[in-house]
Amino acid sequence: MRIDTGVYEGAEISMFYDPMIAKLCTHGANRDEAIDRMRRALDATAVKGIAHNVAFLTSVMDNAKFRSGKLSTAFIAEEYKDGFKADKIGADGARQLVAVAALLESRKVARQRSTNAASGRRVVGLLGKAYDIQVSPTDQGCIVALDGARITVESHWRPGEPVLRAGIDGDAVAVRVAPAVEGWRLGFGGVETVASVRTERQAALAALMPIKRPPDTSKHLLSPMPGLVVSIAVKEGDDVQAGQVLATIDAMKMENVLRSARDGKIKAIHAKAGDSLAVDQVILDFA
């Protein structure tokens, strides 16, 4: 078993778990070829139901220092000083994801209504940017007009398949795909994001919608998983320091120790030993 430590909603969590659920290996005539194959294989790897590090590993494959082989045990600390966020992609990758989102929406609309309804002007929202495109379905996929250029997308993808394999202007691309509330969830090139695909009218109305801010949970300790409270290590009114144990939760026969991520004072406790917790249920409040 392995012990890992992270921070979740104001608490540091020590987790005991099996260190590996799968291994992906590639080989090639040289290091660059093996890395390129790994990069493509990771894009085509879909894992459902549990957290995984596929996007991070893809980012590593694109890292110049990793590709050079000039590594040390400090690689992650040096190259990901602020941690890893799956929200960075280059212009070419963004262009490919816009085309993929257009194809996905075109296939969905054509299935629901008609091929004619799948064509026309669309606005794709991707990673905080809006892309105005013209979509023209074809027998093999679609043609996307973007910024004066034409992108040809060909794919045999059908709704329900977790990985879309496509040819985009002749380049073979694999993208993890899944329906989302307002578009499509896409995983590609170290990015995990949701792309929205709207008509011009829908995009104009969406721009008027107020942005719903996430609730402030900084003063709460939330359960990071369903589980059973083994113990609460503090009392109301206690002063706590960063790193101090707050509670222990048993989940899937593993004990998870929750530690305070900062100094503070315990205002209220909402759980006791023996209680069953749901994910994100409040365990205690900080003053």
C-alpha atoms as a PDB file:
ATOM      1  CA  MET A   1       0.000   0.000   0.000  1.00  0.00           C
ATOM      2  CA  ARG A   2       1.082   3.597  -0.602  1.00  0.00           C
ATOM      3  CA  ILE A   3       0.525   6.744   1.447  1.00  0.00           C
ATOM      4  CA  ASP A   4      -0.278   9.932  -0.438  1.00  0.00           C
ATOM      5  CA  THR A   5      -0.993  13.387   0.950  1.00  0.00           C
ATOM      6  CA  GLY A   6      -3.052  16.158  -0.580  1.00  0.00           C
ATOM      7  CA  VAL A   7      -5.245  19.110   0.315  1.00  0.00           C
ATOM      8  CA  TYR A   8      -9.027  19.008  -0.044  1.00  0.00           C
ATOM      9  CA  GLU A   9     -11.391  21.780   1.079  1.00  0.00           C
ATOM     10  CA  GLY A  10      -9.173  23.167   3.827  1.00  0.00           C
ATOM     11  CA  ALA A  11      -7.805  19.850   5.019  1.00  0.00           C
ATOM     12  CA  GLU A  12      -4.713  17.824   4.282  1.00  0.00           C
ATOM     13  CA  ILE A  13      -5.609  14.216   3.525  1.00  0.00           C
ATOM     14  CA  SER A  14      -3.386  11.174   3.918  1.00  0.00           C
ATOM     15  CA  MET A  15      -4.664   8.333   1.759  1.00  0.00           C
ATOM     16  CA  PHE A  16      -3.687   4.675   1.766  1.00  0.00           C
ATOM     17  CA  TYR A  17      -4.323   2.977  -1.552  1.00  0.00           C
ATOM     18  CA  ASP A  18      -3.125   0.568  -4.185  1.00  0.00           C
ATOM     19  CA  PRO A  19      -0.440   2.508  -6.099  1.00  0.00           C
ATOM     20  CA  MET A  20      -1.325   1.248  -9.579  1.00  0.00           C
ATOM     21  CA  ILE A  21      -4.447   0.109 -11.380  1.00  0.00           C
ATOM     22  CA  ALA A  22      -2.933  -0.089 -14.858  1.00  0.00           C
ATOM     23  CA  LYS A  23       0.317   0.291 -16.756  1.00  0.00           C
ATOM     24  CA  LEU A  24       0.672   1.642 -20.297  1.00  0.00           C
ATOM     25  CA  CYS A  25       3.872   0.827 -22.193  1.00  0.00           C
ATOM     26  CA  THR A  26       5.087   1.822 -25.658  1.00  0.00           C
ATOM     27  CA  HIS A  27       8.300   1.212 -27.564  1.00  0.00           C
ATOM     28  CA  GLY A  28       9.990   2.597 -30.640  1.00  0.00           C
ATOM     29  CA  ALA A  29      13.236   2.733 -32.554  1.00  0.00           C
ATOM     30  CA  ASN A  30      14.365   5.607 -30.302  1.00  0.00           C
ATOM     31  CA  ARG A  31      13.190   7.652 -27.317  1.00  0.00           C
ATOM     32  CA  ASP A  32      11.315  10.254 -29.384  1.00  0.00           C
ATOM     33  CA  GLU A  33       9.382   7.618 -31.313  1.00  0.00           C
ATOM     34  CA  ALA A  34       8.415   5.775 -28.128  1.00  0.00           C
ATOM     35  CA  ILE A  35       7.283   9.049 -26.521  1.00  0.00           C
ATOM     36  CA  ASP A  36       5.223  10.001 -29.593  1.00  0.00           C
ATOM     37  CA  ARG A  37       3.498   6.620 -29.468  1.00  0.00           C
ATOM     38  CA  MET A  38       2.857   7.031 -25.751  1.00  0.00           C
ATOM     39  CA  ARG A  39       1.397  10.485 -26.384  1.00  0.00           C
ATOM     40  CA  ARG A  40      -1.069   9.087 -28.937  1.00  0.00           C
ATOM     41  CA  ALA A  41      -1.912   6.090 -26.740  1.00  0.00           C
ATOM     42  CA  LEU A  42      -2.681   8.317 -23.751  1.00  0.00           C
ATOM     43  CA  ASP A  43      -5.074  10.448 -25.816  1.00  0.00           C
ATOM     44  CA  ALA A  44      -6.894   7.225 -26.728  1.00  0.00           C
ATOM     45  CA  THR A  45      -7.070   6.001 -23.108  1.00  0.00           C
ATOM     46  CA  ALA A  46     -10.477   6.454 -21.461  1.00  0.00           C
ATOM     47  CA  VAL A  47     -10.891   5.681 -17.749  1.00  0.00           C
ATOM     48  CA  LYS A  48     -14.309   6.073 -16.157  1.00  0.00           C
ATOM     49  CA  GLY A  49     -15.548   6.114 -12.591  1.00  0.00           C
ATOM     50  CA  ILE A  50     -12.299   6.928 -10.776  1.00  0.00           C
ATOM     51  CA  ALA A  51      -9.767   9.753 -10.725  1.00  0.00           C
ATOM     52  CA  HIS A  52      -6.748   9.227 -12.963  1.00  0.00           C
ATOM     53  CA  ASN A  53      -3.630  11.038 -14.155  1.00  0.00           C
ATOM     54  CA  VAL A  54      -3.918  10.538 -17.921  1.00  0.00           C
ATOM     55  CA  ALA A  55      -3.946  14.285 -18.665  1.00  0.00           C
ATOM     56  CA  PHE A  56      -0.878  14.858 -16.494  1.00  0.00           C
ATOM     57  CA  LEU A  57       1.034  12.036 -18.152  1.00  0.00           C
ATOM     58  CA  THR A  58       0.168  13.454 -21.565  1.00  0.00           C
ATOM     59  CA  SER A  59       1.537  16.810 -20.446  1.00  0.00           C
ATOM     60  CA  VAL A  60       4.755  15.094 -19.374  1.00  0.00           C
ATOM     61  CA  MET A  61       5.095  13.518 -22.823  1.00  0.00           C
ATOM     62  CA  ASP A  62       5.071  17.034 -24.339  1.00  0.00           C
ATOM     63  CA  ASN A  63       7.630  18.392 -21.856  1.00  0.00           C
ATOM     64  CA  ALA A  64      10.940  19.308 -23.513  1.00  0.00           C
ATOM     65  CA  LYS A  65      13.058  18.228 -20.533  1.00  0.00           C
ATOM     66  CA  PHE A  66      11.337  14.853 -20.358  1.00  0.00           C
ATOM     67  CA  ARG A  67      11.749  14.299 -24.083  1.00  0.00           C
ATOM     68  CA  SER A  68      15.448  15.115 -23.832  1.00  0.00           C
ATOM     69  CA  GLY A  69      15.957  12.524 -21.094  1.00  0.00           C
ATOM     70  CA  LYS A  70      17.796  15.023 -18.888  1.00  0.00           C
ATOM     71  CA  LEU A  71      15.828  14.149 -15.749  1.00  0.00           C
ATOM     72  CA  SER A  72      16.217  13.947 -12.016  1.00  0.00           C
ATOM     73  CA  THR A  73      13.964  13.018  -9.119  1.00  0.00           C
ATOM     74  CA  ALA A  74      13.131  16.734  -8.865  1.00  0.00           C
ATOM     75  CA  PHE A  75      11.499  16.760 -12.328  1.00  0.00           C
ATOM     76  CA  ILE A  76       7.907  17.320 -11.149  1.00  0.00           C
ATOM     77  CA  ALA A  77       8.886  19.919  -8.542  1.00  0.00           C
ATOM     78  CA  GLU A  78      10.920  21.815 -11.129  1.00  0.00           C
ATOM     79  CA  GLU A  79       8.551  21.613 -14.091  1.00  0.00           C
ATOM     80  CA  TYR A  80       5.217  21.875 -12.222  1.00  0.00           C
ATOM     81  CA  LYS A  81       6.048  24.358  -9.484  1.00  0.00           C
ATOM     82  CA  ASP A  82       2.418  25.456  -9.122  1.00  0.00           C
ATOM     83  CA  GLY A  83       0.963  22.010  -9.636  1.00  0.00           C
ATOM     84  CA  PHE A  84      -0.684  20.652 -12.768  1.00  0.00           C
ATOM     85  CA  LYS A  85      -3.862  22.059 -14.282  1.00  0.00           C
ATOM     86  CA  ALA A  86      -5.393  20.369 -17.311  1.00  0.00           C
ATOM     87  CA  ASP A  87      -6.372  23.644 -18.996  1.00  0.00           C
ATOM     88  CA  LYS A  88      -3.417  24.619 -21.216  1.00  0.00           C
ATOM     89  CA  ILE A  89      -3.217  23.854 -24.914  1.00  0.00           C
ATOM     90  CA  GLY A  90      -1.485  25.345 -27.941  1.00  0.00           C
ATOM     91  CA  ALA A  91      -3.189  26.999 -30.908  1.00  0.00           C
ATOM     92  CA  ASP A  92      -3.023  23.856 -33.071  1.00  0.00           C
ATOM     93  CA  GLY A  93      -4.499  21.702 -30.304  1.00  0.00           C
ATOM     94  CA  ALA A  94      -7.301  24.212 -29.679  1.00  0.00           C
ATOM     95  CA  ARG A  95      -8.068  24.266 -33.396  1.00  0.00           C
ATOM     96  CA  GLN A  96      -8.348  20.468 -33.419  1.00  0.00           C
ATOM     97  CA  LEU A  97     -10.595  20.420 -30.346  1.00  0.00           C
ATOM     98  CA  VAL A  98     -12.906  23.029 -31.906  1.00  0.00           C
ATOM     99  CA  ALA A  99     -13.217  20.826 -34.980  1.00  0.00           C
ATOM    100  CA  VAL A 100     -13.881  17.748 -32.842  1.00  0.00           C
ATOM    101  CA  ALA A 101     -16.571  19.568 -30.831  1.00  0.00           C
ATOM    102  CA  ALA A 102     -18.206  20.666 -34.091  1.00  0.00           C
ATOM    103  CA  LEU A 103     -18.247  17.095 -35.388  1.00  0.00           C
ATOM    104  CA  LEU A 104     -19.681  15.710 -32.145  1.00  0.00           C
ATOM    105  CA  GLU A 105     -22.492  18.251 -32.078  1.00  0.00           C
ATOM    106  CA  SER A 106     -23.163  17.760 -35.786  1.00  0.00           C
ATOM    107  CA  ARG A 107     -23.539  14.000 -35.299  1.00  0.00           C
ATOM    108  CA  LYS A 108     -25.800  14.469 -32.282  1.00  0.00           C
ATOM    109  CA  VAL A 109     -28.073  16.981 -34.000  1.00  0.00           C
ATOM    110  CA  ALA A 110     -28.236  14.918 -37.192  1.00  0.00           C
ATOM    111  CA  ARG A 111     -29.275  11.898 -35.145  1.00  0.00           C
ATOM    112  CA  GLN A 112     -31.944  13.835 -33.271  1.00  0.00           C
ATOM    113  CA  ARG A 113     -33.353  15.802 -36.195  1.00  0.00           C
ATOM    114  CA  SER A 114     -31.938  16.009 -39.687  1.00  0.00           C
ATOM    115  CA  THR A 115     -28.667  16.482 -41.527  1.00  0.00           C
ATOM    116  CA  ASN A 116     -29.695  19.993 -42.568  1.00  0.00           C
ATOM    117  CA  ALA A 117     -30.106  21.049 -38.929  1.00  0.00           C
ATOM    118  CA  ALA A 118     -26.532  19.890 -38.273  1.00  0.00           C
ATOM    119  CA  SER A 119     -25.055  22.504 -40.624  1.00  0.00           C
ATOM    120  CA  GLY A 120     -24.712  26.262 -40.253  1.00  0.00           C
ATOM    121  CA  ARG A 121     -22.934  28.814 -38.112  1.00  0.00           C
ATOM    122  CA  ARG A 122     -21.944  27.822 -34.577  1.00  0.00           C
ATOM    123  CA  VAL A 123     -20.050  29.310 -31.663  1.00  0.00           C
ATOM    124  CA  VAL A 124     -17.718  26.927 -29.830  1.00  0.00           C
ATOM    125  CA  GLY A 125     -16.760  27.869 -26.283  1.00  0.00           C
ATOM    126  CA  LEU A 126     -13.429  26.309 -25.330  1.00  0.00           C
ATOM    127  CA  LEU A 127     -11.116  27.144 -22.412  1.00  0.00           C
ATOM    128  CA  GLY A 128     -12.510  30.647 -21.971  1.00  0.00           C
ATOM    129  CA  LYS A 129     -12.497  31.584 -25.670  1.00  0.00           C
ATOM    130  CA  ALA A 130     -15.289  31.721 -28.251  1.00  0.00           C
ATOM    131  CA  TYR A 131     -14.691  30.447 -31.790  1.00  0.00           C
ATOM    132  CA  ASP A 132     -17.072  31.411 -34.605  1.00  0.00           C
ATOM    133  CA  ILE A 133     -17.285  28.576 -37.106  1.00  0.00           C
ATOM    134  CA  GLN A 134     -19.308  27.359 -40.075  1.00  0.00           C
ATOM    135  CA  VAL A 135     -20.112  23.636 -40.077  1.00  0.00           C
ATOM    136  CA  SER A 136     -20.847  21.637 -43.225  1.00  0.00           C
ATOM    137  CA  PRO A 137     -21.510  17.900 -42.660  1.00  0.00           C
ATOM    138  CA  THR A 138     -20.038  15.394 -45.113  1.00  0.00           C
ATOM    139  CA  ASP A 139     -20.508  11.653 -45.578  1.00  0.00           C
ATOM    140  CA  GLN A 140     -17.372  10.954 -43.537  1.00  0.00           C
ATOM    141  CA  GLY A 141     -17.500  13.810 -41.026  1.00  0.00           C
ATOM    142  CA  CYS A 142     -17.666  17.555 -41.551  1.00  0.00           C
ATOM    143  CA  ILE A 143     -15.836  20.604 -42.841  1.00  0.00           C
ATOM    144  CA  VAL A 144     -15.291  23.408 -40.349  1.00  0.00           C
ATOM    145  CA  ALA A 145     -14.547  26.947 -41.497  1.00  0.00           C
ATOM    146  CA  LEU A 146     -12.540  28.810 -38.834  1.00  0.00           C
ATOM    147  CA  ASP A 147     -10.706  32.130 -39.218  1.00  0.00           C
ATOM    148  CA  GLY A 148     -10.754  31.901 -43.005  1.00  0.00           C
ATOM    149  CA  ALA A 149      -9.353  28.341 -43.078  1.00  0.00           C
ATOM    150  CA  ARG A 150     -11.115  25.045 -43.757  1.00  0.00           C
ATOM    151  CA  ILE A 151     -10.632  22.099 -41.403  1.00  0.00           C
ATOM    152  CA  THR A 152     -11.606  18.683 -42.746  1.00  0.00           C
ATOM    153  CA  VAL A 153     -12.653  16.160 -40.106  1.00  0.00           C
ATOM    154  CA  GLU A 154     -13.294  12.509 -40.924  1.00  0.00           C
ATOM    155  CA  SER A 155     -14.359   9.933 -38.344  1.00  0.00           C
ATOM    156  CA  HIS A 156     -16.480   6.800 -37.930  1.00  0.00           C
ATOM    157  CA  TRP A 157     -17.322   7.800 -34.339  1.00  0.00           C
ATOM    158  CA  ARG A 158     -20.814   7.002 -33.134  1.00  0.00           C
ATOM    159  CA  PRO A 159     -22.613   8.427 -30.063  1.00  0.00           C
ATOM    160  CA  GLY A 160     -21.728   6.437 -26.954  1.00  0.00           C
ATOM    161  CA  GLU A 161     -18.149   5.610 -27.898  1.00  0.00           C
ATOM    162  CA  PRO A 162     -15.704   6.948 -25.246  1.00  0.00           C
ATOM    163  CA  VAL A 163     -12.888   7.722 -27.693  1.00  0.00           C
ATOM    164  CA  LEU A 164     -13.224   9.571 -30.976  1.00  0.00           C
ATOM    165  CA  ARG A 165     -10.597   8.651 -33.543  1.00  0.00           C
ATOM    166  CA  ALA A 166     -10.490  11.083 -36.423  1.00  0.00           C
ATOM    167  CA  GLY A 167      -8.440  12.371 -39.274  1.00  0.00           C
ATOM    168  CA  ILE A 168      -8.118  16.163 -39.009  1.00  0.00           C
ATOM    169  CA  ASP A 169      -6.603  17.568 -42.198  1.00  0.00           C
ATOM    170  CA  GLY A 170      -4.882  14.213 -42.603  1.00  0.00           C
ATOM    171  CA  ASP A 171      -3.494  13.998 -39.043  1.00  0.00           C
ATOM    172  CA  ALA A 172      -4.623  11.023 -36.951  1.00  0.00           C
ATOM    173  CA  VAL A 173      -6.125  12.268 -33.672  1.00  0.00           C
ATOM    174  CA  ALA A 174      -7.714  10.486 -30.700  1.00  0.00           C
ATOM    175  CA  VAL A 175      -9.864  12.398 -28.178  1.00  0.00           C
ATOM    176  CA  ARG A 176     -11.661  11.180 -25.063  1.00  0.00           C
ATOM    177  CA  VAL A 177     -15.272  12.328 -25.346  1.00  0.00           C
ATOM    178  CA  ALA A 178     -18.418  12.293 -23.222  1.00  0.00           C
ATOM    179  CA  PRO A 179     -21.661  14.315 -23.243  1.00  0.00           C
ATOM    180  CA  ALA A 180     -21.793  17.233 -20.805  1.00  0.00           C
ATOM    181  CA  VAL A 181     -24.680  19.415 -19.629  1.00  0.00           C
ATOM    182  CA  GLU A 182     -23.822  22.210 -22.058  1.00  0.00           C
ATOM    183  CA  GLY A 183     -21.711  20.519 -24.682  1.00  0.00           C
ATOM    184  CA  TRP A 184     -18.988  17.885 -24.686  1.00  0.00           C
ATOM    185  CA  ARG A 185     -16.342  16.845 -22.213  1.00  0.00           C
ATOM    186  CA  LEU A 186     -13.044  16.452 -24.067  1.00  0.00           C
ATOM    187  CA  GLY A 187      -9.703  14.977 -23.047  1.00  0.00           C
ATOM    188  CA  PHE A 188      -6.761  15.582 -25.353  1.00  0.00           C
ATOM    189  CA  GLY A 189      -3.155  16.717 -25.238  1.00  0.00           C
ATOM    190  CA  GLY A 190      -2.992  17.183 -21.470  1.00  0.00           C
ATOM    191  CA  VAL A 191      -6.332  19.021 -21.359  1.00  0.00           C
ATOM    192  CA  GLU A 192      -9.595  18.017 -19.681  1.00  0.00           C
ATOM    193  CA  THR A 193     -12.333  20.523 -20.494  1.00  0.00           C
ATOM    194  CA  VAL A 194     -15.922  21.053 -21.581  1.00  0.00           C
ATOM    195  CA  ALA A 195     -16.565  22.567 -25.004  1.00  0.00           C
ATOM    196  CA  SER A 196     -19.943  24.181 -25.646  1.00  0.00           C
ATOM    197  CA  VAL A 197     -21.389  24.273 -29.164  1.00  0.00           C
ATOM    198  CA  ARG A 198     -24.196  26.804 -29.680  1.00  0.00           C
ATOM    199  CA  THR A 199     -26.017  28.572 -32.450  1.00  0.00           C
ATOM    200  CA  GLU A 200     -25.317  32.289 -32.727  1.00  0.00           C
ATOM    201  CA  ARG A 201     -28.614  33.050 -30.986  1.00  0.00           C
ATOM    202  CA  GLN A 202     -27.899  30.601 -28.170  1.00  0.00           C
ATOM    203  CA  ALA A 203     -24.411  32.058 -27.708  1.00  0.00           C
ATOM    204  CA  ALA A 204     -25.794  35.597 -27.517  1.00  0.00           C
ATOM    205  CA  LEU A 205     -28.298  34.570 -24.842  1.00  0.00           C
ATOM    206  CA  ALA A 206     -25.690  32.554 -22.920  1.00  0.00           C
ATOM    207  CA  ALA A 207     -23.489  35.658 -22.723  1.00  0.00           C
ATOM    208  CA  LEU A 208     -26.279  37.386 -20.769  1.00  0.00           C
ATOM    209  CA  MET A 209     -26.496  34.654 -18.146  1.00  0.00           C
ATOM    210  CA  PRO A 210     -25.046  35.557 -14.734  1.00  0.00           C
ATOM    211  CA  ILE A 211     -21.998  33.542 -13.727  1.00  0.00           C
ATOM    212  CA  LYS A 212     -22.747  31.239 -10.825  1.00  0.00           C
ATOM    213  CA  ARG A 213     -19.875  31.393  -8.400  1.00  0.00           C
ATOM    214  CA  PRO A 214     -18.965  28.201  -6.522  1.00  0.00           C
ATOM    215  CA  PRO A 215     -19.837  28.290  -2.816  1.00  0.00           C
ATOM    216  CA  ASP A 216     -17.107  29.295  -0.376  1.00  0.00           C
ATOM    217  CA  THR A 217     -16.164  26.135   1.515  1.00  0.00           C
ATOM    218  CA  SER A 218     -12.904  27.428   2.980  1.00  0.00           C
ATOM    219  CA  LYS A 219     -14.360  27.430   6.507  1.00  0.00           C
ATOM    220  CA  HIS A 220     -15.655  23.869   6.322  1.00  0.00           C
ATOM    221  CA  LEU A 221     -13.998  20.472   6.495  1.00  0.00           C
ATOM    222  CA  LEU A 222     -15.851  18.303   3.978  1.00  0.00           C
ATOM    223  CA  SER A 223     -15.693  14.560   3.618  1.00  0.00           C
ATOM    224  CA  PRO A 224     -13.693  13.818   0.446  1.00  0.00           C
ATOM    225  CA  MET A 225     -15.434  10.467  -0.006  1.00  0.00           C
ATOM    226  CA  PRO A 226     -18.281   8.333   1.350  1.00  0.00           C
ATOM    227  CA  GLY A 227     -17.129   6.641   4.533  1.00  0.00           C
ATOM    228  CA  LEU A 228     -17.457   5.947   8.237  1.00  0.00           C
ATOM    229  CA  VAL A 229     -16.103   8.316  10.888  1.00  0.00           C
ATOM    230  CA  VAL A 230     -13.473   6.466  12.914  1.00  0.00           C
ATOM    231  CA  SER A 231     -12.639   9.388  15.182  1.00  0.00           C
ATOM    232  CA  ILE A 232     -12.797  13.156  15.570  1.00  0.00           C
ATOM    233  CA  ALA A 233      -9.509  14.409  17.025  1.00  0.00           C
ATOM    234  CA  VAL A 234     -10.607  17.933  18.033  1.00  0.00           C
ATOM    235  CA  LYS A 235     -13.311  19.650  20.074  1.00  0.00           C
ATOM    236  CA  GLU A 236     -15.322  22.827  19.561  1.00  0.00           C
ATOM    237  CA  GLY A 237     -13.259  25.828  20.594  1.00  0.00           C
ATOM    238  CA  ASP A 238      -9.909  24.101  20.004  1.00  0.00           C
ATOM    239  CA  ASP A 239      -7.118  26.056  18.337  1.00  0.00           C
ATOM    240  CA  VAL A 240      -5.506  23.972  15.597  1.00  0.00           C
ATOM    241  CA  GLN A 241      -2.324  24.306  13.623  1.00  0.00           C
ATOM    242  CA  ALA A 242      -1.496  23.403  10.045  1.00  0.00           C
ATOM    243  CA  GLY A 243      -0.816  19.674   9.813  1.00  0.00           C
ATOM    244  CA  GLN A 244      -2.794  18.785  12.940  1.00  0.00           C
ATOM    245  CA  VAL A 245      -5.057  15.722  12.685  1.00  0.00           C
ATOM    246  CA  LEU A 246      -8.733  16.661  12.566  1.00  0.00           C
ATOM    247  CA  ALA A 247     -10.518  13.390  11.811  1.00  0.00           C
ATOM    248  CA  THR A 248     -10.080   9.863  10.511  1.00  0.00           C
ATOM    249  CA  ILE A 249     -12.490   8.322   8.013  1.00  0.00           C
ATOM    250  CA  ASP A 250     -12.719   4.667   7.047  1.00  0.00           C
ATOM    251  CA  ALA A 251     -13.527   4.140   3.367  1.00  0.00           C
ATOM    252  CA  MET A 252     -13.254   0.844   1.488  1.00  0.00           C
ATOM    253  CA  LYS A 253     -11.362  -0.695   4.437  1.00  0.00           C
ATOM    254  CA  MET A 254      -8.743   2.057   4.317  1.00  0.00           C
ATOM    255  CA  GLU A 255      -8.229   4.757   6.937  1.00  0.00           C
ATOM    256  CA  ASN A 256      -7.954   8.311   5.607  1.00  0.00           C
ATOM    257  CA  VAL A 257      -6.456  10.872   7.980  1.00  0.00           C
ATOM    258  CA  LEU A 258      -7.672  14.451   7.476  1.00  0.00           C
ATOM    259  CA  ARG A 259      -5.268  17.154   8.669  1.00  0.00           C
ATOM    260  CA  SER A 260      -5.722  20.891   8.915  1.00  0.00           C
ATOM    261  CA  ALA A 261      -4.219  22.785   5.973  1.00  0.00           C
ATOM    262  CA  ARG A 262      -3.893  25.995   8.029  1.00  0.00           C
ATOM    263  CA  ASP A 263      -3.956  27.428  11.528  1.00  0.00           C
ATOM    264  CA  GLY A 264      -7.418  28.162  12.894  1.00  0.00           C
ATOM    265  CA  LYS A 265     -10.089  27.576  15.509  1.00  0.00           C
ATOM    266  CA  ILE A 266     -12.820  24.933  15.550  1.00  0.00           C
ATOM    267  CA  LYS A 267     -16.247  26.579  15.583  1.00  0.00           C
ATOM    268  CA  ALA A 268     -18.607  23.597  15.355  1.00  0.00           C
ATOM    269  CA  ILE A 269     -18.464  19.827  14.861  1.00  0.00           C
ATOM    270  CA  HIS A 270     -21.199  18.096  12.885  1.00  0.00           C
ATOM    271  CA  ALA A 271     -20.095  14.449  13.003  1.00  0.00           C
ATOM    272  CA  LYS A 272     -19.039  11.867  15.571  1.00  0.00           C
ATOM    273  CA  ALA A 273     -17.388   8.465  15.612  1.00  0.00           C
ATOM    274  CA  GLY A 274     -19.603   5.879  13.931  1.00  0.00           C
ATOM    275  CA  ASP A 275     -21.429   8.331  11.645  1.00  0.00           C
ATOM    276  CA  SER A 276     -21.735   7.514   7.963  1.00  0.00           C
ATOM    277  CA  LEU A 277     -20.732  10.358   5.678  1.00  0.00           C
ATOM    278  CA  ALA A 278     -21.596  11.172   2.097  1.00  0.00           C
ATOM    279  CA  VAL A 279     -19.084  12.838  -0.189  1.00  0.00           C
ATOM    280  CA  ASP A 280     -18.817  16.598   0.541  1.00  0.00           C
ATOM    281  CA  GLN A 281     -20.771  16.270   3.789  1.00  0.00           C
ATOM    282  CA  VAL A 282     -19.653  18.849   6.364  1.00  0.00           C
ATOM    283  CA  ILE A 283     -17.618  17.342   9.213  1.00  0.00           C
ATOM    284  CA  LEU A 284     -16.720  20.529  11.075  1.00  0.00           C
ATOM    285  CA  ASP A 285     -16.581  24.318  10.732  1.00  0.00           C
ATOM    286  CA  PHE A 286     -13.647  26.661  11.266  1.00  0.00           C
ATOM    287  CA  ALA A 287     -14.253  30.018  12.950  1.00  0.00           C
END
